[in-house]
N, C-alpha and C. Protein backbone atom coordinates (compact mmCIF):
# COMPACT_ATOMS: atom_id res chain seq x y z
N MET A 1 -3.48 27.68 26.98
CA MET A 1 -3.03 27.32 28.31
C MET A 1 -3.03 25.88 28.73
N ALA A 2 -2.16 25.27 29.50
CA ALA A 2 -2.45 23.93 29.49
C ALA A 2 -3.36 23.64 30.84
N ASP A 3 -4.03 22.59 30.58
CA ASP A 3 -5.06 22.10 31.73
C ASP A 3 -4.55 21.96 32.95
N GLN A 4 -5.23 22.45 33.93
CA GLN A 4 -5.03 22.25 35.39
C GLN A 4 -4.61 20.87 35.75
N GLY A 5 -3.62 20.70 36.38
CA GLY A 5 -3.01 19.44 36.63
C GLY A 5 -1.86 18.82 35.72
N TYR A 6 -2.09 19.34 34.52
CA TYR A 6 -1.07 18.74 33.56
C TYR A 6 0.05 20.07 33.45
N GLU A 7 0.50 20.80 34.20
CA GLU A 7 1.50 21.83 34.04
C GLU A 7 2.98 21.01 33.78
N ASN A 8 3.09 19.94 34.59
CA ASN A 8 4.10 19.29 34.57
C ASN A 8 4.30 18.00 33.85
N ARG A 9 3.43 17.73 32.96
CA ARG A 9 3.26 16.49 32.43
C ARG A 9 4.78 15.88 31.84
N GLN A 10 5.49 16.82 31.24
CA GLN A 10 6.85 16.50 31.05
C GLN A 10 7.72 15.72 31.86
N ASP A 11 7.32 16.01 33.38
CA ASP A 11 7.89 15.11 34.41
C ASP A 11 7.75 13.64 34.15
N PHE A 12 6.83 13.18 33.34
CA PHE A 12 6.52 11.74 33.20
C PHE A 12 6.70 11.26 31.67
N GLU A 13 7.24 12.12 31.01
CA GLU A 13 7.42 11.57 29.64
C GLU A 13 8.44 10.25 29.48
N MET A 14 8.21 9.47 28.71
CA MET A 14 9.08 8.16 28.58
C MET A 14 10.35 8.51 28.30
N GLU A 15 10.70 9.83 27.60
CA GLU A 15 12.23 10.06 27.41
C GLU A 15 13.04 10.16 28.97
N LEU A 16 12.33 10.36 29.89
CA LEU A 16 13.31 10.57 31.14
C LEU A 16 13.71 9.15 31.47
N TRP A 17 13.35 8.08 30.93
CA TRP A 17 13.65 6.65 31.16
C TRP A 17 14.14 6.06 29.85
N PRO A 18 15.61 6.62 29.34
CA PRO A 18 15.83 6.18 28.03
C PRO A 18 15.86 4.92 27.82
N GLU A 19 16.02 3.99 28.63
CA GLU A 19 16.16 2.59 28.56
C GLU A 19 14.86 2.16 27.94
N LEU A 20 13.77 2.50 28.73
CA LEU A 20 12.09 2.26 28.42
C LEU A 20 11.96 2.73 26.91
N ARG A 21 12.27 3.93 26.87
CA ARG A 21 12.16 4.51 25.21
C ARG A 21 12.69 3.73 24.30
N GLU A 22 14.03 3.34 24.33
CA GLU A 22 14.58 2.55 23.44
C GLU A 22 14.09 1.08 23.37
N ARG A 23 13.85 0.53 24.39
CA ARG A 23 13.22 -0.70 24.17
C ARG A 23 12.08 -0.60 23.75
N TRP A 24 11.21 0.10 23.95
CA TRP A 24 9.84 0.31 23.57
C TRP A 24 9.77 0.49 22.01
N ASN A 25 10.50 1.50 21.61
CA ASN A 25 10.65 1.63 20.46
C ASN A 25 11.14 0.49 19.39
N THR A 26 11.73 -0.10 19.84
CA THR A 26 12.52 -1.56 19.41
C THR A 26 11.28 -2.60 19.24
N PHE A 27 10.57 -2.67 20.36
CA PHE A 27 9.32 -3.40 20.31
C PHE A 27 8.18 -2.88 19.13
N LEU A 28 8.00 -1.60 19.13
CA LEU A 28 7.10 -1.24 18.21
C LEU A 28 7.61 -1.31 16.72
N LYS A 29 8.88 -1.31 16.46
CA LYS A 29 9.28 -1.46 15.06
C LYS A 29 9.17 -3.05 14.76
N PHE A 30 9.27 -3.77 16.15
CA PHE A 30 8.90 -5.31 15.67
C PHE A 30 7.68 -5.66 15.44
N VAL A 31 6.58 -5.00 16.15
CA VAL A 31 5.27 -5.49 16.34
C VAL A 31 4.49 -4.78 15.03
N PHE A 32 4.99 -3.59 14.51
CA PHE A 32 4.35 -2.86 13.44
C PHE A 32 4.99 -3.24 11.96
N ALA A 33 6.06 -3.96 11.89
CA ALA A 33 6.65 -4.41 10.51
C ALA A 33 5.77 -5.44 9.82
N GLY A 34 5.71 -5.00 8.55
CA GLY A 34 4.91 -6.16 7.58
C GLY A 34 5.41 -7.35 7.85
N ARG A 35 4.81 -8.21 8.42
CA ARG A 35 5.33 -9.67 8.42
C ARG A 35 4.32 -10.27 7.72
N GLU A 36 3.53 -11.32 8.19
CA GLU A 36 2.32 -11.82 7.51
C GLU A 36 0.86 -10.98 7.47
N ALA A 37 0.90 -10.16 8.45
CA ALA A 37 -0.29 -9.07 8.33
C ALA A 37 0.50 -7.84 7.85
N ASP A 38 0.07 -6.98 6.84
CA ASP A 38 0.63 -6.01 6.44
C ASP A 38 0.52 -4.67 7.14
N LYS A 39 1.54 -3.76 6.95
CA LYS A 39 1.57 -2.54 7.70
C LYS A 39 0.24 -1.92 7.57
N GLU A 40 -0.48 -1.61 6.39
CA GLU A 40 -1.53 -0.73 6.34
C GLU A 40 -2.62 -1.39 7.60
N LEU A 41 -2.72 -2.73 7.61
CA LEU A 41 -3.81 -3.25 8.12
C LEU A 41 -3.45 -3.02 9.93
N LYS A 42 -2.22 -3.25 10.00
CA LYS A 42 -1.75 -2.89 11.48
C LYS A 42 -1.91 -1.51 11.88
N GLN A 43 -1.84 -0.66 10.88
CA GLN A 43 -2.06 0.74 11.28
C GLN A 43 -3.60 0.97 11.47
N LEU A 44 -4.58 0.39 10.71
CA LEU A 44 -5.85 0.43 10.52
C LEU A 44 -6.32 -0.23 12.02
N VAL A 45 -5.71 -1.15 12.40
CA VAL A 45 -5.97 -1.80 13.70
C VAL A 45 -5.71 -0.89 14.77
N PHE A 46 -4.35 -0.30 14.85
CA PHE A 46 -4.13 0.62 15.68
C PHE A 46 -5.07 1.82 15.78
N LEU A 47 -5.54 2.36 14.81
CA LEU A 47 -6.43 3.39 15.04
C LEU A 47 -7.70 3.03 15.48
N ALA A 48 -8.28 1.96 15.09
CA ALA A 48 -9.47 1.21 15.63
C ALA A 48 -9.40 0.99 16.99
N SER A 49 -8.42 0.47 17.57
CA SER A 49 -8.32 0.15 19.00
C SER A 49 -8.11 1.52 19.82
N SER A 50 -7.68 2.61 19.27
CA SER A 50 -7.31 3.98 19.84
C SER A 50 -8.60 4.44 19.78
N MET A 51 -9.53 4.52 18.94
CA MET A 51 -10.74 5.01 18.72
C MET A 51 -11.73 4.44 19.99
N ALA A 52 -11.45 3.25 20.05
CA ALA A 52 -12.42 2.25 21.12
C ALA A 52 -12.02 3.09 22.50
N SER A 53 -10.74 3.02 22.51
CA SER A 53 -10.08 3.40 24.00
C SER A 53 -10.53 4.85 24.18
N GLY A 54 -10.56 5.74 23.12
CA GLY A 54 -10.78 7.23 23.55
C GLY A 54 -9.53 7.95 23.52
N CYS A 55 -8.39 7.52 23.09
CA CYS A 55 -7.04 8.23 23.38
C CYS A 55 -6.97 9.20 22.08
N ARG A 56 -7.22 10.36 22.20
CA ARG A 56 -7.14 11.18 21.01
C ARG A 56 -5.63 11.46 20.30
N HIS A 57 -4.81 11.42 21.38
CA HIS A 57 -3.46 11.52 20.79
C HIS A 57 -3.02 10.32 19.98
N CYS A 58 -3.28 9.15 20.27
CA CYS A 58 -3.02 7.97 19.57
C CYS A 58 -4.01 7.96 18.40
N GLN A 59 -5.30 8.32 18.22
CA GLN A 59 -6.01 8.59 17.15
C GLN A 59 -5.45 9.37 16.09
N SER A 60 -4.91 10.55 16.59
CA SER A 60 -4.25 11.56 15.80
C SER A 60 -2.91 10.93 15.01
N HIS A 61 -2.20 10.17 15.72
CA HIS A 61 -1.00 9.47 15.24
C HIS A 61 -1.19 8.48 14.39
N GLY A 62 -2.29 7.75 14.77
CA GLY A 62 -2.54 6.40 13.92
C GLY A 62 -3.15 7.02 12.53
N ALA A 63 -4.08 8.08 12.39
CA ALA A 63 -4.66 8.35 11.52
C ALA A 63 -3.63 9.27 10.45
N PHE A 64 -2.61 9.75 11.09
CA PHE A 64 -1.42 10.46 10.43
C PHE A 64 -0.79 9.46 9.70
N HIS A 65 -0.40 8.54 10.38
CA HIS A 65 0.62 7.25 9.86
C HIS A 65 -0.18 6.69 8.84
N LEU A 66 -1.52 6.50 8.91
CA LEU A 66 -2.17 5.83 7.62
C LEU A 66 -2.16 6.73 6.43
N ASN A 67 -2.20 8.01 6.57
CA ASN A 67 -2.10 9.11 5.64
C ASN A 67 -0.73 9.07 4.89
N VAL A 68 0.05 8.83 5.62
CA VAL A 68 1.56 8.74 4.92
C VAL A 68 1.72 7.41 4.26
N LEU A 69 0.97 6.55 4.58
CA LEU A 69 1.19 5.08 4.04
C LEU A 69 0.05 5.19 2.51
N GLY A 70 -0.59 6.46 2.48
CA GLY A 70 -1.46 6.51 1.29
C GLY A 70 -2.81 6.28 1.34
N VAL A 71 -3.20 6.02 2.59
CA VAL A 71 -4.76 5.61 2.83
C VAL A 71 -5.51 6.68 2.73
N SER A 72 -6.64 6.57 1.98
CA SER A 72 -7.48 7.74 1.57
C SER A 72 -7.99 8.34 2.88
N GLU A 73 -8.38 9.42 2.98
CA GLU A 73 -9.18 10.15 4.04
C GLU A 73 -10.60 9.62 4.30
N GLU A 74 -11.18 9.08 3.47
CA GLU A 74 -12.32 8.61 3.39
C GLU A 74 -12.21 7.19 4.24
N LYS A 75 -11.35 6.47 3.76
CA LYS A 75 -11.01 5.10 4.42
C LYS A 75 -10.86 5.21 5.87
N ILE A 76 -9.94 6.29 6.24
CA ILE A 76 -9.62 6.69 7.65
C ILE A 76 -10.71 7.07 8.52
N LEU A 77 -11.64 8.05 7.88
CA LEU A 77 -12.95 8.17 8.30
C LEU A 77 -13.82 7.09 8.65
N SER A 78 -14.07 6.24 7.81
CA SER A 78 -14.73 4.84 7.81
C SER A 78 -14.68 4.10 9.02
N ILE A 79 -13.46 4.30 9.71
CA ILE A 79 -13.47 3.30 11.01
C ILE A 79 -14.52 3.52 12.00
N TRP A 80 -14.87 5.09 11.94
CA TRP A 80 -15.73 5.36 12.88
C TRP A 80 -17.21 4.98 12.67
N ASN A 81 -17.59 4.51 11.44
CA ASN A 81 -18.76 4.07 10.98
C ASN A 81 -18.37 2.75 10.38
N LEU A 82 -17.68 1.57 11.07
CA LEU A 82 -17.09 0.46 10.29
C LEU A 82 -18.19 -0.33 9.74
N GLU A 83 -19.19 -0.57 10.37
CA GLU A 83 -20.21 -1.60 9.81
C GLU A 83 -20.83 -1.09 8.56
N GLU A 84 -21.28 -0.05 8.36
CA GLU A 84 -21.84 0.73 7.45
C GLU A 84 -20.96 1.09 6.27
N SER A 85 -19.64 0.92 6.21
CA SER A 85 -18.72 1.20 5.43
C SER A 85 -18.32 0.08 4.28
N ASP A 86 -18.41 0.68 2.80
CA ASP A 86 -17.90 -0.27 1.99
C ASP A 86 -16.57 0.10 1.57
N HIS A 87 -15.47 0.58 2.56
CA HIS A 87 -14.04 0.90 2.15
C HIS A 87 -13.30 -0.24 2.91
N PHE A 88 -13.76 -1.21 3.32
CA PHE A 88 -13.01 -2.31 3.99
C PHE A 88 -13.49 -3.70 3.28
N THR A 89 -12.60 -4.54 3.47
CA THR A 89 -12.78 -5.92 2.89
C THR A 89 -13.45 -6.70 4.24
N ASP A 90 -13.97 -7.87 4.10
CA ASP A 90 -14.47 -8.65 4.93
C ASP A 90 -13.32 -8.87 6.14
N ALA A 91 -12.27 -9.33 5.48
CA ALA A 91 -10.96 -9.55 6.39
C ALA A 91 -10.57 -8.37 7.35
N GLU A 92 -10.72 -7.11 6.62
CA GLU A 92 -10.45 -5.99 7.44
C GLU A 92 -11.25 -5.59 8.43
N LYS A 93 -12.70 -5.84 8.03
CA LYS A 93 -13.83 -5.68 9.03
C LYS A 93 -13.66 -6.62 10.38
N ALA A 94 -13.17 -7.75 9.73
CA ALA A 94 -12.88 -8.72 11.12
C ALA A 94 -11.96 -8.29 11.99
N ALA A 95 -10.71 -7.67 11.63
CA ALA A 95 -9.67 -7.52 12.21
C ALA A 95 -10.07 -6.11 13.05
N LEU A 96 -10.75 -5.12 12.42
CA LEU A 96 -11.09 -3.99 12.99
C LEU A 96 -12.16 -4.13 14.05
N ASN A 97 -13.16 -5.14 13.79
CA ASN A 97 -14.11 -5.35 14.81
C ASN A 97 -13.44 -6.05 15.95
N LEU A 98 -12.40 -6.80 15.66
CA LEU A 98 -11.75 -7.40 16.92
C LEU A 98 -10.97 -6.17 17.75
N ALA A 99 -10.31 -5.28 17.07
CA ALA A 99 -9.53 -4.19 17.52
C ALA A 99 -10.68 -3.22 18.40
N VAL A 100 -11.64 -2.96 17.74
CA VAL A 100 -12.61 -1.94 18.52
C VAL A 100 -13.22 -2.80 19.82
N SER A 101 -13.32 -3.97 19.87
CA SER A 101 -13.78 -4.86 20.86
C SER A 101 -12.63 -4.99 21.90
N ALA A 102 -11.67 -5.17 21.15
CA ALA A 102 -10.49 -5.48 22.44
C ALA A 102 -9.95 -4.08 23.22
N GLY A 103 -10.19 -2.93 22.22
CA GLY A 103 -9.61 -1.70 22.69
C GLY A 103 -10.73 -1.06 23.67
N ALA A 104 -12.01 -1.65 23.89
CA ALA A 104 -12.85 -1.09 24.88
C ALA A 104 -12.45 -1.33 26.06
N SER A 105 -12.91 -0.66 27.00
CA SER A 105 -12.84 -0.95 28.44
C SER A 105 -14.16 -0.85 29.08
N PRO A 106 -14.52 -2.13 29.56
CA PRO A 106 -13.89 -3.31 29.82
C PRO A 106 -13.92 -4.02 28.15
N ASN A 107 -13.04 -4.81 28.22
CA ASN A 107 -12.68 -5.56 26.89
C ASN A 107 -14.06 -6.48 26.53
N ALA A 108 -14.48 -6.30 25.23
CA ALA A 108 -15.71 -6.67 24.85
C ALA A 108 -15.55 -7.85 23.81
N THR A 109 -14.29 -8.34 23.74
CA THR A 109 -14.22 -9.48 22.83
C THR A 109 -14.75 -10.79 23.22
N GLU A 110 -15.30 -11.29 22.21
CA GLU A 110 -16.18 -12.55 22.28
C GLU A 110 -15.60 -13.59 21.51
N PRO A 111 -16.05 -14.86 21.69
CA PRO A 111 -15.50 -16.01 20.68
C PRO A 111 -16.10 -15.67 19.20
N HIS A 112 -17.14 -15.12 18.85
CA HIS A 112 -17.41 -14.73 17.36
C HIS A 112 -16.24 -13.75 16.63
N HIS A 113 -15.63 -13.08 17.60
CA HIS A 113 -14.71 -12.26 16.84
C HIS A 113 -13.57 -13.23 16.34
N PHE A 114 -13.27 -14.20 17.13
CA PHE A 114 -11.95 -15.17 16.63
C PHE A 114 -12.55 -15.97 15.45
N ALA A 115 -14.01 -16.38 15.62
CA ALA A 115 -14.46 -17.16 14.62
C ALA A 115 -14.39 -16.54 13.30
N GLU A 116 -14.73 -14.99 13.17
CA GLU A 116 -14.36 -14.44 12.06
C GLU A 116 -13.15 -14.36 11.61
N MET A 117 -12.07 -13.92 12.47
CA MET A 117 -10.94 -13.67 12.16
C MET A 117 -10.20 -15.11 11.50
N ARG A 118 -10.73 -16.34 12.06
CA ARG A 118 -10.12 -17.48 11.33
C ARG A 118 -10.73 -17.60 9.94
N LYS A 119 -11.76 -17.15 9.40
CA LYS A 119 -12.40 -17.04 8.16
C LYS A 119 -11.30 -16.46 7.12
N HIS A 120 -10.59 -15.44 7.78
CA HIS A 120 -9.60 -14.61 6.94
C HIS A 120 -8.21 -14.64 7.05
N PHE A 121 -7.79 -15.11 8.52
CA PHE A 121 -6.27 -14.86 8.88
C PHE A 121 -5.95 -16.27 9.47
N THR A 122 -4.59 -16.55 9.26
CA THR A 122 -3.91 -17.47 9.85
C THR A 122 -3.69 -17.11 11.53
N ASP A 123 -3.24 -17.97 12.16
CA ASP A 123 -3.10 -17.99 13.43
C ASP A 123 -2.17 -16.75 13.77
N ILE A 124 -1.02 -17.15 13.09
CA ILE A 124 0.10 -16.13 13.16
C ILE A 124 -0.55 -14.63 12.80
N GLN A 125 -1.06 -14.44 11.75
CA GLN A 125 -1.63 -13.24 11.27
C GLN A 125 -2.45 -12.44 12.40
N THR A 126 -3.08 -13.66 13.00
CA THR A 126 -4.22 -13.05 14.29
C THR A 126 -3.39 -12.61 15.51
N ILE A 127 -2.36 -13.31 15.70
CA ILE A 127 -1.48 -13.10 16.81
C ILE A 127 -0.77 -11.72 16.48
N GLU A 128 -0.24 -11.42 15.36
CA GLU A 128 0.22 -10.00 14.83
C GLU A 128 -0.70 -9.07 15.32
N ILE A 129 -2.07 -9.10 14.93
CA ILE A 129 -3.04 -8.14 15.00
C ILE A 129 -3.32 -8.01 16.46
N MET A 130 -3.15 -9.13 17.21
CA MET A 130 -3.21 -8.88 18.66
C MET A 130 -2.11 -8.25 19.44
N ALA A 131 -1.05 -8.25 18.76
CA ALA A 131 0.22 -7.67 19.23
C ALA A 131 -0.11 -5.99 18.92
N VAL A 132 -0.55 -5.82 18.02
CA VAL A 132 -0.78 -4.31 17.62
C VAL A 132 -1.59 -3.65 18.71
N ILE A 133 -2.98 -4.60 18.74
CA ILE A 133 -3.89 -3.95 19.72
C ILE A 133 -3.39 -3.95 21.27
N ALA A 134 -2.65 -4.74 21.45
CA ALA A 134 -1.87 -4.84 23.04
C ALA A 134 -0.95 -3.56 23.02
N ALA A 135 -0.02 -3.53 21.97
CA ALA A 135 0.82 -2.32 22.03
C ALA A 135 0.06 -0.89 22.09
N GLY A 136 -1.06 -1.00 21.20
CA GLY A 136 -1.95 0.29 21.30
C GLY A 136 -2.43 0.51 22.76
N GLY A 137 -3.06 -0.51 23.17
CA GLY A 137 -3.45 -0.41 24.66
C GLY A 137 -2.63 0.24 25.50
N PHE A 138 -1.07 -0.05 25.48
CA PHE A 138 -0.28 0.32 26.29
C PHE A 138 -0.15 1.93 25.95
N LEU A 139 0.07 2.28 24.62
CA LEU A 139 0.23 3.66 24.27
C LEU A 139 -0.87 4.53 24.57
N ASN A 140 -2.19 3.96 24.40
CA ASN A 140 -3.42 4.68 24.70
C ASN A 140 -3.43 5.01 26.28
N ARG A 141 -2.94 4.00 27.24
CA ARG A 141 -3.12 4.43 28.55
C ARG A 141 -2.20 5.13 28.96
N TRP A 142 -1.00 5.06 28.46
CA TRP A 142 0.10 5.91 28.81
C TRP A 142 -0.06 7.31 28.50
N ASN A 143 -0.53 7.66 27.29
CA ASN A 143 -0.67 8.90 26.56
C ASN A 143 -1.99 9.58 27.14
N ASP A 144 -3.01 8.82 27.37
CA ASP A 144 -4.03 9.56 27.82
C ASP A 144 -4.08 9.75 29.40
N THR A 145 -3.17 8.92 30.11
CA THR A 145 -3.03 9.18 31.49
C THR A 145 -2.39 10.48 31.65
N ILE A 146 -1.03 10.62 31.06
CA ILE A 146 -0.38 11.93 31.42
C ILE A 146 -0.83 13.01 30.40
N ALA A 147 -1.67 12.71 29.62
CA ALA A 147 -2.24 13.95 28.60
C ALA A 147 -0.92 14.31 27.66
N THR A 148 -0.29 13.18 27.15
CA THR A 148 0.85 13.55 26.24
C THR A 148 0.56 14.73 25.25
N VAL A 149 1.20 15.64 24.90
CA VAL A 149 1.00 16.58 23.95
C VAL A 149 1.23 16.26 22.68
N THR A 150 0.37 16.27 21.96
CA THR A 150 0.31 15.83 20.39
C THR A 150 1.32 16.86 19.53
N ASP A 151 2.11 16.24 18.59
CA ASP A 151 2.89 17.01 17.71
C ASP A 151 1.79 17.95 16.88
N GLN A 152 2.38 19.14 16.38
CA GLN A 152 1.31 19.97 15.68
C GLN A 152 1.04 19.31 14.22
N GLU A 153 1.99 18.51 13.80
CA GLU A 153 1.90 17.78 12.29
C GLU A 153 0.61 17.00 12.55
N SER A 154 0.40 16.23 13.65
CA SER A 154 -0.40 15.26 13.71
C SER A 154 -1.91 16.04 14.21
N ILE A 155 -1.92 16.95 14.99
CA ILE A 155 -2.89 17.78 15.14
C ILE A 155 -3.49 18.34 14.08
N ASP A 156 -2.82 19.12 13.29
CA ASP A 156 -3.19 19.72 11.93
C ASP A 156 -3.97 18.58 10.99
N PHE A 157 -3.40 17.37 10.98
CA PHE A 157 -3.98 16.49 10.04
C PHE A 157 -5.29 15.92 10.75
N ALA A 158 -5.40 15.72 12.11
CA ALA A 158 -6.66 15.38 12.80
C ALA A 158 -7.77 16.36 12.75
N GLU A 159 -7.32 17.72 12.95
CA GLU A 159 -8.04 18.59 12.87
C GLU A 159 -9.06 18.98 11.38
N LYS A 160 -8.02 18.75 10.40
CA LYS A 160 -8.67 18.61 9.03
C LYS A 160 -9.36 17.37 8.64
N VAL A 161 -9.06 16.26 9.07
CA VAL A 161 -9.77 15.01 8.72
C VAL A 161 -10.59 14.61 9.88
N LEU A 162 -10.18 14.22 11.07
CA LEU A 162 -10.94 13.54 12.01
C LEU A 162 -11.88 14.56 12.96
N SER A 163 -11.88 15.83 12.71
CA SER A 163 -12.74 16.69 13.10
C SER A 163 -14.28 16.16 12.66
N LYS A 164 -14.14 15.73 11.66
CA LYS A 164 -15.57 15.33 10.79
C LYS A 164 -16.12 14.34 11.49
N VAL A 165 -15.37 13.57 12.65
CA VAL A 165 -16.02 12.53 13.65
C VAL A 165 -16.14 12.93 14.71
N GLY A 166 -15.84 14.22 15.05
CA GLY A 166 -15.95 14.65 16.52
C GLY A 166 -14.51 14.78 17.09
N TRP A 167 -13.28 14.54 16.58
CA TRP A 167 -12.03 14.59 17.04
C TRP A 167 -11.66 15.87 17.51
N GLU A 168 -11.20 15.96 18.66
CA GLU A 168 -10.48 17.42 18.98
C GLU A 168 -9.41 16.98 19.92
N ALA A 169 -8.52 17.94 19.93
CA ALA A 169 -7.13 17.44 20.87
C ALA A 169 -7.42 17.52 22.08
N GLY A 170 -8.33 18.36 22.57
CA GLY A 170 -8.50 18.29 24.04
C GLY A 170 -7.24 18.53 25.02
N LYS A 171 -7.20 17.80 25.78
CA LYS A 171 -5.96 17.71 26.97
C LYS A 171 -4.78 17.64 26.27
N HIS A 172 -4.58 17.05 24.83
CA HIS A 172 -3.40 16.72 24.26
C HIS A 172 -2.85 17.96 23.43
N GLN A 173 -3.70 19.03 23.42
CA GLN A 173 -3.03 20.15 22.72
C GLN A 173 -1.94 20.79 23.35
N GLY A 174 -1.82 21.08 24.50
CA GLY A 174 -0.75 21.59 25.18
C GLY A 174 -0.22 23.03 24.84
N GLU A 175 0.69 23.37 25.22
CA GLU A 175 1.28 24.65 24.93
C GLU A 175 2.49 24.49 23.67
N SER A 176 2.57 25.45 22.90
CA SER A 176 3.68 25.17 21.78
C SER A 176 5.06 24.80 22.38
N HIS A 177 5.56 25.23 23.36
CA HIS A 177 6.85 24.92 24.05
C HIS A 177 6.82 23.22 24.46
N GLU A 178 5.66 22.84 24.60
CA GLU A 178 5.60 21.33 24.98
C GLU A 178 5.75 20.51 23.91
N GLN A 179 5.34 20.82 22.69
CA GLN A 179 5.06 19.83 21.52
C GLN A 179 6.35 19.26 20.85
N ARG A 180 6.23 18.11 20.49
CA ARG A 180 7.41 17.64 19.78
C ARG A 180 7.53 17.91 18.58
N LYS A 181 8.79 18.20 17.78
CA LYS A 181 8.78 18.61 16.57
C LYS A 181 8.10 18.15 15.57
N ALA A 182 7.91 16.83 15.50
CA ALA A 182 7.07 15.97 14.42
C ALA A 182 6.62 14.94 15.02
N HIS A 183 5.71 14.23 14.22
CA HIS A 183 5.24 12.71 14.33
C HIS A 183 6.35 12.03 14.73
N PRO A 184 6.12 11.06 15.44
CA PRO A 184 7.20 9.93 15.93
C PRO A 184 7.91 9.20 14.64
N LEU A 185 7.04 9.12 13.68
CA LEU A 185 7.53 8.47 12.34
C LEU A 185 8.55 9.49 11.62
N ASN A 186 8.29 10.69 11.57
CA ASN A 186 9.09 11.64 10.99
C ASN A 186 10.46 12.10 11.75
N LEU A 187 10.23 11.56 13.25
CA LEU A 187 11.35 11.66 13.99
C LEU A 187 12.40 10.76 13.94
N GLY A 188 11.78 9.67 13.25
CA GLY A 188 12.59 8.42 13.01
C GLY A 188 12.48 7.34 14.27
N TRP A 189 11.70 7.56 15.02
CA TRP A 189 11.47 6.69 16.32
C TRP A 189 11.17 5.32 15.88
N THR A 190 10.44 5.02 14.79
CA THR A 190 9.77 3.63 14.50
C THR A 190 10.52 3.31 13.14
N LYS A 191 11.61 3.96 12.69
CA LYS A 191 12.10 3.45 11.52
C LYS A 191 13.40 2.65 11.74
């Protein structure tokens, strides 16, 4: 049964403003493309900032996408234990620490985050990483606010893997008739 207050969440789906959906998808394709910072790092950053924001919908999407890219379940789970993990390079840790700090509310980013980034990344790479964090922030707020129903494909993966770190779909479970057919990646939205 849908959570009280979310019965008509489909009234607020981005699809009802097709121009927004189209332009947003174009923006996401641009931001997440492998340029100077690679796609895997960008997806790790998206997941880390979504973890910090608390958006379970975006966490499941980010984790599923990383799995599609071939990232191990152990590495995906290690984001929740970043400082103690040996799955990340120092460069990845710098980017993920920035993502966690920037994804928090209020923002917890400090000068030392950028000092650490400069040890490993060019200014352009840092800007690309910040663009992913900012895009994630928009998606985290949108999806968590209206309790976007997560596709079953992403829920199944997250329940199998992310449940080990306390993940649950919660308000994003929805009713079966509310679910998208598949993860946006498999629907072709970001291709």
